[in-house]
């Protein structure tokens, strides 16, 4: 399944760099862009999640007692009438 995107308003210096890099590697500019996208996707996949970073520095093994993990829950709002006790 092929899809097409069009990128407009690329700065001339960026476009020149893409051309030079593609020529240097012996590939098309399109292939270079595909490779750059794949590379960034892989970096994003391997990037540490905030919860993983937190666990690395905190927790029982690091001398910090953390409360049990809970799922997201909403507290029920309570409304009080003025003057009522």
Protein backbone atom coordinates (compact mmCIF):
# COMPACT_ATOMS: atom_id res chain seq x y z
CA UNK A 1 0.00 0.00 0.00
CA UNK A 2 1.65 3.15 -1.19
CA UNK A 3 0.70 6.56 0.04
CA UNK A 4 1.85 9.97 -1.04
CA UNK A 5 2.62 13.06 0.97
CA UNK A 6 3.67 16.44 -0.27
CA UNK A 7 5.89 18.65 1.85
CA UNK A 8 5.71 22.30 0.92
CA UNK A 9 7.83 25.26 1.92
CA UNK A 10 11.02 23.32 2.57
CA UNK A 11 13.79 25.79 3.16
CA UNK A 12 16.22 25.95 0.23
CA UNK A 13 19.14 24.99 2.47
CA UNK A 14 17.30 21.92 3.75
CA UNK A 15 16.37 20.85 0.22
CA UNK A 16 19.96 21.31 -0.93
CA UNK A 17 21.16 19.20 1.99
CA UNK A 18 18.66 16.44 1.11
CA UNK A 19 19.89 16.44 -2.49
CA UNK A 20 23.56 16.31 -1.45
CA UNK A 21 23.01 13.53 1.10
CA UNK A 22 20.91 11.47 -1.33
CA UNK A 23 23.53 11.86 -4.04
CA UNK A 24 26.33 10.97 -1.61
CA UNK A 25 24.48 7.79 -0.57
CA UNK A 26 23.48 6.94 -4.13
CA UNK A 27 19.75 6.96 -3.37
CA UNK A 28 16.78 9.13 -4.26
CA UNK A 29 15.64 11.99 -2.08
CA UNK A 30 12.45 10.02 -1.43
CA UNK A 31 14.42 7.03 -0.17
CA UNK A 32 16.52 9.28 2.04
CA UNK A 33 13.37 10.76 3.59
CA UNK A 34 11.94 7.25 4.14
CA UNK A 35 15.15 6.21 5.89
CA UNK A 36 15.17 9.32 8.07
CA UNK A 37 11.57 8.67 9.10
CA UNK A 38 12.32 5.01 9.93
CA UNK A 39 15.36 6.06 11.94
CA UNK A 40 13.35 8.57 13.99
CA UNK A 41 10.53 6.08 14.56
CA UNK A 42 13.04 3.56 15.90
CA UNK A 43 14.60 6.18 18.18
CA UNK A 44 11.14 7.10 19.49
CA UNK A 45 10.31 3.43 20.11
CA UNK A 46 13.50 2.93 22.11
CA UNK A 47 13.17 6.18 24.08
CA UNK A 48 12.59 5.66 27.75
CA UNK A 49 9.04 6.25 28.90
CA UNK A 50 8.54 8.66 31.83
CA UNK A 51 7.31 5.80 34.03
CA UNK A 52 10.47 3.81 33.25
CA UNK A 53 12.71 6.77 34.07
CA UNK A 54 10.83 7.34 37.33
CA UNK A 55 11.17 3.67 38.29
CA UNK A 56 14.90 3.80 37.58
CA UNK A 57 15.51 6.47 40.23
CA UNK A 58 12.74 5.83 42.73
CA UNK A 59 11.16 2.78 44.31
CA UNK A 60 12.00 0.26 47.01
CA UNK A 61 15.29 -0.77 45.39
CA UNK A 62 16.43 2.87 45.57
CA UNK A 63 15.27 3.55 49.13
CA UNK A 64 12.05 5.35 48.22
CA UNK A 65 8.75 3.87 49.35
CA UNK A 66 6.17 4.56 46.66
CA UNK A 67 2.42 4.12 47.14
CA UNK A 68 0.73 1.29 45.24
CA UNK A 69 -0.04 2.11 41.65
CA UNK A 70 -3.68 2.86 40.98
CA UNK A 71 -5.61 3.27 37.80
CA UNK A 72 -7.01 6.64 36.92
CA UNK A 73 -10.11 7.26 38.92
CA UNK A 74 -12.26 10.27 39.42
CA UNK A 75 -13.25 11.46 42.84
CA UNK A 76 -16.92 12.08 43.16
CA UNK A 77 -17.61 15.77 43.64
CA UNK A 78 -19.56 16.71 46.70
CA UNK A 79 -21.61 19.88 46.79
CA UNK A 80 -22.75 21.47 50.01
CA UNK A 81 -25.51 23.97 50.38
CA UNK A 82 -24.59 27.18 52.12
CA UNK A 83 -25.80 27.35 55.71
CA UNK A 84 -26.41 23.58 55.91
CA UNK A 85 -24.33 21.65 58.39
